[in-house]
C-alpha atoms as a PDB file:
ATOM      1  CA  MET A   1     101.804  73.220  98.754  1.00  0.00           C
ATOM      2  CA  SER A   2      99.102  74.724 100.905  1.00  0.00           C
ATOM      3  CA  SER A   3      98.270  78.389 100.533  1.00  0.00           C
ATOM      4  CA  PHE A   4     100.193  80.960 102.508  1.00  0.00           C
ATOM      5  CA  TYR A   5      98.183  84.096 103.148  1.00  0.00           C
ATOM      6  CA  ASN A   6      99.085  86.966 100.826  1.00  0.00           C
ATOM      7  CA  ARG A   7     102.479  85.507  99.846  1.00  0.00           C
ATOM      8  CA  LYS A   8     101.711  83.764  96.539  1.00  0.00           C
ATOM      9  CA  GLN A   9     104.243  85.803  94.555  1.00  0.00           C
ATOM     10  CA  GLU A  10     107.008  85.182  97.101  1.00  0.00           C
ATOM     11  CA  ILE A  11     106.275  81.422  97.138  1.00  0.00           C
ATOM     12  CA  THR A  12     106.306  81.432  93.319  1.00  0.00           C
ATOM     13  CA  ASP A  13     109.650  83.276  93.268  1.00  0.00           C
ATOM     14  CA  LEU A  14     111.180  80.864  95.797  1.00  0.00           C
ATOM     15  CA  THR A  15     109.893  77.856  93.837  1.00  0.00           C
ATOM     16  CA  SER A  16     111.319  79.238  90.600  1.00  0.00           C
ATOM     17  CA  ALA A  17     114.709  79.877  92.230  1.00  0.00           C
ATOM     18  CA  TRP A  18     114.650  76.380  93.766  1.00  0.00           C
ATOM     19  CA  GLU A  19     113.986  74.743  90.400  1.00  0.00           C
ATOM     20  CA  ASP A  20     116.934  76.479  88.684  1.00  0.00           C
ATOM     21  CA  SER A  21     119.750  74.017  88.087  1.00  0.00           C
ATOM     22  CA  GLY A  22     122.983  74.187  90.055  1.00  0.00           C
ATOM     23  CA  ALA A  23     123.820  75.151  93.600  1.00  0.00           C
ATOM     24  CA  LYS A  24     123.077  78.721  94.542  1.00  0.00           C
ATOM     25  CA  LEU A  25     123.212  80.919  97.592  1.00  0.00           C
ATOM     26  CA  ARG A  26     119.993  82.824  98.206  1.00  0.00           C
ATOM     27  CA  LEU A  27     119.770  85.680 100.659  1.00  0.00           C
ATOM     28  CA  LEU A  28     116.491  86.968 101.985  1.00  0.00           C
ATOM     29  CA  TYR A  29     116.401  90.350 103.630  1.00  0.00           C
ATOM     30  CA  GLY A  30     113.865  92.993 104.445  1.00  0.00           C
ATOM     31  CA  ARG A  31     112.312  95.066 107.181  1.00  0.00           C
ATOM     32  CA  ARG A  32     111.861  93.610 110.628  1.00  0.00           C
ATOM     33  CA  ARG A  33     108.720  91.693 111.567  1.00  0.00           C
ATOM     34  CA  VAL A  34     107.367  91.128 108.048  1.00  0.00           C
ATOM     35  CA  GLY A  35     107.466  87.297 108.122  1.00  0.00           C
ATOM     36  CA  LYS A  36     110.728  86.367 106.376  1.00  0.00           C
ATOM     37  CA  THR A  37     111.475  83.464 108.724  1.00  0.00           C
ATOM     38  CA  CYS A  38     107.895  82.195 108.623  1.00  0.00           C
ATOM     39  CA  LEU A  39     107.894  82.377 104.816  1.00  0.00           C
ATOM     40  CA  LEU A  40     111.082  80.305 104.562  1.00  0.00           C
ATOM     41  CA  GLN A  41     109.920  77.781 107.143  1.00  0.00           C
ATOM     42  CA  HIS A  42     106.662  77.360 105.236  1.00  0.00           C
ATOM     43  CA  PHE A  43     108.483  76.985 101.914  1.00  0.00           C
ATOM     44  CA  LEU A  44     110.942  74.404 103.288  1.00  0.00           C
ATOM     45  CA  SER A  45     108.349  72.463 105.300  1.00  0.00           C
ATOM     46  CA  ASP A  46     107.801  69.866 102.564  1.00  0.00           C
ATOM     47  CA  GLY A  47     111.231  68.316 103.106  1.00  0.00           C
ATOM     48  CA  ARG A  48     113.380  70.123 100.567  1.00  0.00           C
ATOM     49  CA  PRO A  49     117.051  69.638 101.473  1.00  0.00           C
ATOM     50  CA  HIS A  50     118.386  72.948 102.715  1.00  0.00           C
ATOM     51  CA  CYS A  51     120.632  74.779 105.098  1.00  0.00           C
ATOM     52  CA  TYR A  52     118.942  77.596 106.991  1.00  0.00           C
ATOM     53  CA  PHE A  53     121.264  80.088 108.640  1.00  0.00           C
ATOM     54  CA  LEU A  54     120.309  83.275 110.448  1.00  0.00           C
ATOM     55  CA  ALA A  55     123.230  85.694 110.730  1.00  0.00           C
ATOM     56  CA  SER A  56     123.527  87.784 113.858  1.00  0.00           C
ATOM     57  CA  ALA A  57     125.152  91.055 114.880  1.00  0.00           C
ATOM     58  CA  MET A  58     128.431  89.370 115.782  1.00  0.00           C
ATOM     59  CA  THR A  59     131.727  89.570 113.926  1.00  0.00           C
ATOM     60  CA  ILE A  60     132.057  88.442 110.328  1.00  0.00           C
ATOM     61  CA  THR A  61     134.385  85.668 111.479  1.00  0.00           C
ATOM     62  CA  GLY A  62     131.860  84.500 114.061  1.00  0.00           C
ATOM     63  CA  ASN A  63     129.054  84.414 111.493  1.00  0.00           C
ATOM     64  CA  LEU A  64     131.258  82.549 109.000  1.00  0.00           C
ATOM     65  CA  GLU A  65     132.162  79.954 111.627  1.00  0.00           C
ATOM     66  CA  ARG A  66     128.488  79.462 112.515  1.00  0.00           C
ATOM     67  CA  LEU A  67     127.574  79.238 108.803  1.00  0.00           C
ATOM     68  CA  ALA A  68     130.262  76.578 108.270  1.00  0.00           C
ATOM     69  CA  GLN A  69     128.877  74.587 111.208  1.00  0.00           C
ATOM     70  CA  ALA A  70     125.344  74.844 109.797  1.00  0.00           C
ATOM     71  CA  LEU A  71     126.518  73.640 106.369  1.00  0.00           C
ATOM     72  CA  ILE A  72     128.379  70.678 107.866  1.00  0.00           C
ATOM     73  CA  LYS A  73     125.318  69.767 109.936  1.00  0.00           C
ATOM     74  CA  ALA A  74     123.023  70.015 106.894  1.00  0.00           C
ATOM     75  CA  HIS A  75     125.344  67.986 104.636  1.00  0.00           C
ATOM     76  CA  PRO A  76     127.411  65.725 106.913  1.00  0.00           C
ATOM     77  CA  ARG A  77     128.602  63.409 104.135  1.00  0.00           C
ATOM     78  CA  HIS A  78     129.716  66.048 101.641  1.00  0.00           C
ATOM     79  CA  PRO A  79     133.450  65.529 100.980  1.00  0.00           C
ATOM     80  CA  ASP A  80     134.289  69.235 100.753  1.00  0.00           C
ATOM     81  CA  LEU A  81     132.618  70.130 104.045  1.00  0.00           C
ATOM     82  CA  THR A  82     134.830  69.277 106.978  1.00  0.00           C
ATOM     83  CA  PRO A  83     135.473  71.212 110.182  1.00  0.00           C
ATOM     84  CA  ALA A  84     139.048  71.838 108.994  1.00  0.00           C
ATOM     85  CA  SER A  85     137.974  73.328 105.655  1.00  0.00           C
END
């Protein structure tokens, strides 16, 4: 992976978490405008299968519905992911 300016530790942490066995939910949070989205886009740019979802200031139900849609889109053939479920 190419270098990412001043983010070697974060890339190392993401790589370590990625290589752990089993499915996991990872949340990334922090102050505004510090490059969280750019960091994730850089990390996922090599084709790792993923589902990227950015929550918004809407209702919990609205965010859950949008998350479900993102998961279905990312994994359309998964048997447990259907619009009804």
